[in-house]
N, C-alpha and C. Protein backbone atom coordinates (compact mmCIF):
# COMPACT_ATOMS: atom_id res chain seq x y z
N MET A 1 104.87 90.01 72.72
CA MET A 1 104.89 90.33 73.91
C MET A 1 103.91 91.72 73.01
N SER A 2 103.27 92.20 73.36
CA SER A 2 102.77 93.44 72.99
C SER A 2 102.55 94.70 74.35
N LEU A 3 101.99 95.69 73.63
CA LEU A 3 101.99 96.95 74.25
C LEU A 3 100.40 97.54 73.87
N LEU A 4 99.82 97.61 75.31
CA LEU A 4 98.19 98.57 74.54
C LEU A 4 98.69 100.12 75.10
N LEU A 5 98.37 101.40 74.48
CA LEU A 5 98.43 102.46 74.49
C LEU A 5 97.17 102.96 74.60
N LEU A 6 96.69 103.50 75.47
CA LEU A 6 95.13 104.03 75.65
C LEU A 6 95.13 105.37 76.33
N ASP A 7 93.94 105.67 76.22
CA ASP A 7 93.54 107.81 76.25
C ASP A 7 92.02 107.54 76.37
N ILE A 8 91.79 108.36 77.57
CA ILE A 8 90.66 108.16 77.83
C ILE A 8 90.20 109.99 77.07
N ASP A 9 89.15 109.80 76.14
CA ASP A 9 88.45 110.60 75.11
C ASP A 9 87.95 111.62 75.59
N HIS A 10 88.42 112.98 75.16
CA HIS A 10 87.98 114.34 75.90
C HIS A 10 87.76 114.34 77.34
N PHE A 11 89.13 114.12 77.78
CA PHE A 11 89.01 113.68 79.41
C PHE A 11 89.11 115.36 79.81
N LYS A 12 89.61 116.39 78.84
CA LYS A 12 89.79 117.83 79.19
C LYS A 12 88.23 118.40 79.80
N MET A 13 87.38 117.28 79.04
CA MET A 13 86.01 117.90 79.06
C MET A 13 85.08 117.37 80.28
N ILE A 14 85.73 116.46 80.72
CA ILE A 14 84.83 115.55 82.01
C ILE A 14 85.65 116.94 83.01
N ASN A 15 86.87 116.78 82.73
CA ASN A 15 87.31 118.07 84.06
C ASN A 15 86.64 118.71 83.90
N ASP A 16 86.77 120.00 82.82
CA ASP A 16 85.93 121.38 82.98
C ASP A 16 84.47 121.19 83.02
N THR A 17 83.95 120.06 82.97
CA THR A 17 82.50 119.96 83.26
C THR A 17 81.53 119.53 84.26
N HIS A 18 82.79 118.71 84.94
CA HIS A 18 82.50 118.08 86.12
C HIS A 18 83.48 118.59 87.94
N ASP A 19 84.68 119.25 87.22
CA ASP A 19 85.61 119.42 87.73
C ASP A 19 86.87 118.25 87.77
N HIS A 20 88.11 118.65 88.69
CA HIS A 20 88.83 117.71 88.48
C HIS A 20 88.75 116.66 90.25
N LEU A 21 88.24 116.50 90.73
CA LEU A 21 88.07 115.68 91.69
C LEU A 21 86.73 114.66 90.71
N ALA A 22 86.06 114.88 90.16
CA ALA A 22 84.73 114.03 89.55
C ALA A 22 85.89 113.29 88.31
N GLY A 23 87.32 114.00 88.16
CA GLY A 23 88.08 113.53 87.00
C GLY A 23 89.09 112.43 87.40
N ASP A 24 89.22 112.73 88.43
CA ASP A 24 90.12 111.76 89.61
C ASP A 24 89.42 110.49 89.71
N GLN A 25 88.11 110.65 90.08
CA GLN A 25 87.54 109.21 90.18
C GLN A 25 86.97 108.52 88.88
N VAL A 26 87.04 109.45 87.84
CA VAL A 26 87.21 108.35 86.77
C VAL A 26 88.24 107.87 86.67
N LEU A 27 89.37 108.24 86.78
CA LEU A 27 90.83 107.53 86.85
C LEU A 27 90.82 106.66 87.57
N ILE A 28 90.58 106.55 88.82
CA ILE A 28 90.35 105.69 89.94
C ILE A 28 89.42 104.34 89.38
N GLU A 29 88.14 104.74 88.64
CA GLU A 29 87.42 103.57 88.79
C GLU A 29 87.55 102.54 87.22
N LEU A 30 88.12 104.16 86.36
CA LEU A 30 88.68 102.94 85.05
C LEU A 30 89.68 102.05 85.32
N THR A 31 90.89 102.41 86.06
CA THR A 31 92.06 101.72 86.68
C THR A 31 91.17 100.37 87.17
N ARG A 32 90.47 100.38 87.77
CA ARG A 32 89.54 99.30 88.94
C ARG A 32 89.52 98.54 87.71
N ARG A 33 88.15 98.55 86.91
CA ARG A 33 88.05 97.74 85.49
C ARG A 33 88.79 97.43 85.25
N LEU A 34 89.74 98.11 84.09
CA LEU A 34 90.43 97.23 83.76
C LEU A 34 91.33 96.59 84.24
N GLY A 35 91.56 96.88 85.39
CA GLY A 35 92.79 96.05 86.35
C GLY A 35 91.67 94.36 86.19
N HIS A 36 90.59 94.66 86.58
CA HIS A 36 89.73 93.67 87.30
C HIS A 36 89.86 92.31 86.01
N GLN A 37 90.17 92.84 84.70
CA GLN A 37 90.26 92.28 83.21
C GLN A 37 91.41 92.00 82.89
N LEU A 38 92.09 92.08 83.75
CA LEU A 38 93.78 91.74 82.67
C LEU A 38 94.40 90.75 83.32
N ARG A 39 94.92 89.60 82.88
CA ARG A 39 95.74 88.81 83.12
C ARG A 39 96.62 89.32 84.61
N ALA A 40 97.01 87.92 85.21
CA ALA A 40 98.19 88.21 86.53
C ALA A 40 99.53 88.49 85.83
N VAL A 41 99.78 88.08 84.53
CA VAL A 41 101.12 88.82 84.09
C VAL A 41 101.14 89.95 83.52
N ASP A 42 99.87 90.90 83.20
CA ASP A 42 99.47 91.72 82.52
C ASP A 42 100.16 93.27 83.41
N VAL A 43 100.56 93.72 83.34
CA VAL A 43 100.88 95.36 83.78
C VAL A 43 100.19 96.64 83.40
N LEU A 44 99.49 96.92 84.42
CA LEU A 44 98.96 97.96 83.77
C LEU A 44 99.28 99.61 84.55
N ALA A 45 99.73 100.56 83.63
CA ALA A 45 100.26 101.85 84.40
C ALA A 45 99.92 103.24 84.36
N ARG A 46 99.67 104.30 84.43
CA ARG A 46 99.52 105.34 84.48
C ARG A 46 100.94 105.61 83.75
N TRP A 47 100.02 106.82 82.02
CA TRP A 47 101.60 106.53 81.56
C TRP A 47 101.65 108.52 81.48
N GLY A 48 100.72 109.07 81.84
CA GLY A 48 100.67 110.49 82.22
C GLY A 48 99.20 111.16 81.79
N GLY A 49 99.03 112.04 82.56
CA GLY A 49 97.55 112.36 82.70
C GLY A 49 96.30 111.36 82.49
N GLU A 50 95.85 111.50 81.03
CA GLU A 50 94.64 110.54 80.73
C GLU A 50 94.95 109.14 79.81
N GLU A 51 96.67 108.91 79.97
CA GLU A 51 97.61 107.97 79.10
C GLU A 51 97.49 106.68 80.19
N PHE A 52 97.15 105.92 79.66
CA PHE A 52 97.28 104.32 80.57
C PHE A 52 98.29 102.93 79.27
N VAL A 53 99.20 102.53 80.13
CA VAL A 53 99.90 101.29 78.83
C VAL A 53 99.40 100.51 79.77
N ILE A 54 99.32 99.22 79.29
CA ILE A 54 99.01 98.21 79.45
C ILE A 54 100.52 96.80 78.57
N LEU A 55 101.23 96.44 79.93
CA LEU A 55 102.02 95.71 79.19
C LEU A 55 101.77 94.14 79.16
N MET A 56 101.32 93.31 78.01
CA MET A 56 100.77 91.97 77.66
C MET A 56 101.87 91.20 77.60
N PRO A 57 102.96 90.19 78.62
CA PRO A 57 103.71 89.91 77.50
C PRO A 57 103.09 88.02 78.08
N HIS A 58 103.71 87.53 76.65
CA HIS A 58 103.53 86.14 75.95
C HIS A 58 101.91 86.55 74.92
N CYS A 59 102.16 87.58 74.60
CA CYS A 59 100.65 88.05 73.88
C CYS A 59 101.45 88.28 72.73
N ARG A 60 100.32 88.26 71.83
CA ARG A 60 100.28 88.37 69.89
C ARG A 60 99.78 89.60 69.61
N ALA A 61 99.94 89.76 68.56
CA ALA A 61 99.06 90.85 67.92
C ALA A 61 97.75 91.22 67.88
N THR A 62 97.40 89.73 67.65
CA THR A 62 95.98 88.93 67.43
C THR A 62 95.40 89.25 68.49
N GLN A 63 95.31 88.31 69.66
CA GLN A 63 95.17 88.56 70.75
C GLN A 63 94.98 89.82 71.61
N ALA A 64 95.89 90.78 71.45
CA ALA A 64 96.35 91.94 72.11
C ALA A 64 95.12 92.95 71.56
N LEU A 65 94.92 92.59 70.04
CA LEU A 65 93.61 93.28 69.69
C LEU A 65 92.88 93.31 70.07
N HIS A 66 92.05 92.19 70.70
CA HIS A 66 90.76 91.19 70.95
C HIS A 66 91.26 92.10 72.36
N ALA A 67 92.06 91.87 73.03
CA ALA A 67 91.74 92.26 74.62
C ALA A 67 91.51 94.16 74.49
N ALA A 68 92.03 94.14 73.81
CA ALA A 68 91.95 95.92 73.60
C ALA A 68 90.55 96.18 73.81
N GLU A 69 90.09 95.85 72.49
CA GLU A 69 88.72 95.83 71.94
C GLU A 69 87.69 95.36 73.11
N ARG A 70 87.81 94.91 73.80
CA ARG A 70 87.15 94.18 75.06
C ARG A 70 87.05 95.21 76.12
N LEU A 71 88.46 95.81 76.23
CA LEU A 71 88.52 96.51 77.62
C LEU A 71 87.58 97.90 76.94
N ARG A 72 88.07 98.30 75.47
CA ARG A 72 87.36 99.26 75.09
C ARG A 72 86.12 99.28 75.40
N ALA A 73 85.23 98.47 75.26
CA ALA A 73 83.94 98.22 75.07
C ALA A 73 83.09 98.15 76.33
N LEU A 74 83.90 97.41 77.53
CA LEU A 74 83.72 97.85 78.82
C LEU A 74 83.37 99.55 79.48
N VAL A 75 84.22 99.57 78.78
CA VAL A 75 84.54 101.04 79.52
C VAL A 75 83.02 102.38 78.95
N ALA A 76 83.45 101.81 77.40
CA ALA A 76 82.09 102.61 76.81
C ALA A 76 80.66 102.37 77.28
N ASP A 77 80.76 100.52 77.41
CA ASP A 77 79.05 100.36 77.84
C ASP A 77 78.64 100.40 79.24
N GLN A 78 79.48 100.99 80.14
CA GLN A 78 78.59 100.75 81.20
C GLN A 78 79.25 102.43 81.99
N SER A 79 78.58 103.24 82.17
CA SER A 79 78.78 105.12 82.72
C SER A 79 79.20 105.13 83.92
N PHE A 80 79.43 106.11 84.23
CA PHE A 80 80.64 106.70 85.48
C PHE A 80 79.92 106.67 86.30
N PRO A 81 80.47 107.11 87.60
CA PRO A 81 79.40 108.24 88.70
C PRO A 81 80.02 109.10 88.82
N GLU A 82 78.30 110.24 88.09
CA GLU A 82 78.79 111.51 88.84
C GLU A 82 79.02 112.12 87.02
N VAL A 83 79.86 111.33 85.73
CA VAL A 83 80.12 111.92 84.60
C VAL A 83 79.25 111.12 83.22
N GLY A 84 78.98 109.82 83.83
CA GLY A 84 77.99 109.11 82.25
C GLY A 84 79.14 108.60 81.76
N ALA A 85 78.97 108.85 80.34
CA ALA A 85 79.28 107.87 79.20
C ALA A 85 80.85 108.53 79.24
N VAL A 86 81.73 107.33 79.24
CA VAL A 86 82.95 107.88 79.19
C VAL A 86 83.52 106.57 77.68
N THR A 87 84.59 106.89 77.00
CA THR A 87 85.24 106.20 76.05
C THR A 87 86.70 106.28 76.03
N THR A 88 87.28 105.11 75.28
CA THR A 88 88.80 104.93 75.48
C THR A 88 89.09 104.79 74.57
N SER A 89 89.91 105.51 73.41
CA SER A 89 91.36 104.84 72.63
C SER A 89 92.29 104.35 72.81
N PHE A 90 92.63 103.01 71.62
CA PHE A 90 93.77 102.04 71.79
C PHE A 90 94.82 102.42 70.84
N GLY A 91 95.94 102.07 71.20
CA GLY A 91 96.53 101.57 70.02
C GLY A 91 97.63 100.73 70.53
N VAL A 92 97.68 99.74 69.19
CA VAL A 92 98.39 97.89 70.26
C VAL A 92 99.62 98.02 69.31
N ALA A 93 100.56 97.42 69.26
CA ALA A 93 101.58 97.23 68.84
C ALA A 93 102.43 95.85 69.33
N GLU A 94 102.78 94.66 68.65
CA GLU A 94 103.12 94.05 69.54
C GLU A 94 104.82 94.10 69.15
N TYR A 95 105.79 93.93 70.02
CA TYR A 95 107.64 93.80 69.99
C TYR A 95 107.69 93.22 68.65
N GLN A 96 108.41 93.65 68.04
CA GLN A 96 109.24 92.84 66.89
C GLN A 96 110.68 93.24 67.57
N ALA A 97 111.23 91.72 66.70
CA ALA A 97 113.07 91.60 67.41
C ALA A 97 113.69 92.39 66.76
N ASN A 98 114.14 92.85 67.26
CA ASN A 98 115.44 94.22 67.59
C ASN A 98 115.07 95.08 67.87
N GLU A 99 113.93 95.69 68.03
CA GLU A 99 113.25 96.49 67.95
C GLU A 99 113.97 97.32 69.15
N SER A 100 113.81 98.67 69.58
CA SER A 100 114.31 99.79 70.74
C SER A 100 112.58 99.40 71.07
N ASP A 101 113.39 100.09 72.21
CA ASP A 101 111.87 100.29 73.23
C ASP A 101 111.39 101.63 72.51
N HIS A 102 112.36 102.33 72.21
CA HIS A 102 111.53 103.72 71.94
C HIS A 102 110.26 103.54 70.55
N ALA A 103 110.88 103.11 70.02
CA ALA A 103 110.01 102.58 68.08
C ALA A 103 109.02 101.92 68.56
N TRP A 104 109.17 100.58 69.45
CA TRP A 104 108.04 99.97 69.94
C TRP A 104 107.04 100.92 70.62
N ILE A 105 107.01 101.93 71.63
CA ILE A 105 106.39 102.52 71.74
C ILE A 105 106.08 103.63 71.03
N LYS A 106 106.28 104.29 70.07
CA LYS A 106 106.38 105.39 68.87
C LYS A 106 105.20 104.49 67.86
N ARG A 107 105.24 103.06 67.90
CA ARG A 107 104.23 102.38 67.30
C ARG A 107 102.90 102.16 67.24
N ALA A 108 102.88 101.76 69.36
CA ALA A 108 101.58 102.29 69.68
C ALA A 108 101.32 103.50 69.87
N ASP A 109 101.36 104.68 70.17
CA ASP A 109 101.23 106.03 70.09
C ASP A 109 100.84 106.44 68.88
N ASP A 110 101.53 106.12 67.74
CA ASP A 110 101.07 106.21 66.24
C ASP A 110 99.70 105.40 66.06
N ALA A 111 99.46 104.43 66.42
CA ALA A 111 98.56 103.38 66.26
C ALA A 111 97.67 104.40 67.33
N LEU A 112 97.81 104.63 68.07
CA LEU A 112 96.65 105.11 69.07
C LEU A 112 96.26 106.52 68.79
N TYR A 113 97.18 107.03 67.87
CA TYR A 113 96.83 108.68 67.29
C TYR A 113 95.84 108.44 65.89
N ALA A 114 96.05 107.89 65.40
CA ALA A 114 95.24 107.10 64.37
C ALA A 114 94.04 106.90 64.77
N ALA A 115 93.86 106.09 66.19
CA ALA A 115 92.13 105.69 66.32
C ALA A 115 91.56 106.65 67.07
N LYS A 116 92.66 107.88 67.44
CA LYS A 116 91.75 109.20 68.08
C LYS A 116 91.35 110.08 66.70
N SER A 117 92.23 110.31 66.01
CA SER A 117 91.87 111.00 64.19
C SER A 117 90.69 110.51 63.96
N ARG A 118 90.52 108.85 63.61
CA ARG A 118 89.44 108.62 62.76
C ARG A 118 88.29 108.32 63.47
N GLY A 119 87.96 109.48 65.04
CA GLY A 119 86.53 109.11 65.67
C GLY A 119 86.61 109.00 66.63
N ARG A 120 87.60 108.52 67.17
CA ARG A 120 87.84 107.85 68.86
C ARG A 120 86.96 106.96 69.56
N ASN A 121 87.20 106.72 70.51
CA ASN A 121 85.95 105.06 70.90
C ASN A 121 86.69 104.09 70.11
N ARG A 122 87.65 103.98 69.82
CA ARG A 122 88.33 102.62 68.45
C ARG A 122 89.67 102.16 69.31
N VAL A 123 90.06 100.97 68.43
CA VAL A 123 91.17 100.45 68.76
C VAL A 123 91.84 100.39 67.36
N TYR A 124 92.95 100.61 67.41
CA TYR A 124 93.93 100.36 65.91
C TYR A 124 95.31 99.87 66.48
N LEU A 125 95.43 98.83 65.39
CA LEU A 125 96.78 97.81 65.80
C LEU A 125 97.72 98.56 64.68
N SER A 126 99.15 98.98 65.47
CA SER A 126 100.42 99.10 64.17
C SER A 126 100.53 97.87 63.11
N THR A 127 101.00 97.88 62.50
CA THR A 127 101.13 97.51 61.58
C THR A 127 102.71 97.24 60.79
N ARG A 128 103.09 98.44 60.92
CA ARG A 128 104.30 99.07 60.60
C ARG A 128 105.30 97.86 61.19
N GLN A 129 106.46 97.49 59.73
CA GLN A 129 107.23 96.63 60.16
C GLN A 129 108.43 97.42 59.89
N ILE A 130 109.50 97.07 60.99
CA ILE A 130 110.43 98.20 61.30
C ILE A 130 111.58 97.19 60.23
N GLU A 131 112.88 98.23 60.16
CA GLU A 131 113.76 97.79 59.13
C GLU A 131 114.66 97.48 59.47
């Protein structure tokens, strides 16, 4: 099972430049686009603000990494009404045996932070092993 954490890059700027209603429309359109690309068993949920999680059962890290890259490109390659280009950053982590939920989410969040700190509009895989 793999977990994808994603964040809309520079979302505050979208709200500040275009207004919060336009920002809400970006959230709605983003979930529509992502939802159409996911498998029936995958779960997409808003994590908070402009962050989302995708839980991917029966999905190894390599498959999840490819899925995240496909989703990242889908968002970046199609402009959004009223606001234009939008990009996302992803952190990916495969569940490891005997790992706590907290540790798993932390690994995905650390990978997301790495993607954002290295320029945004990227996908990073957590390769850290639990002890």
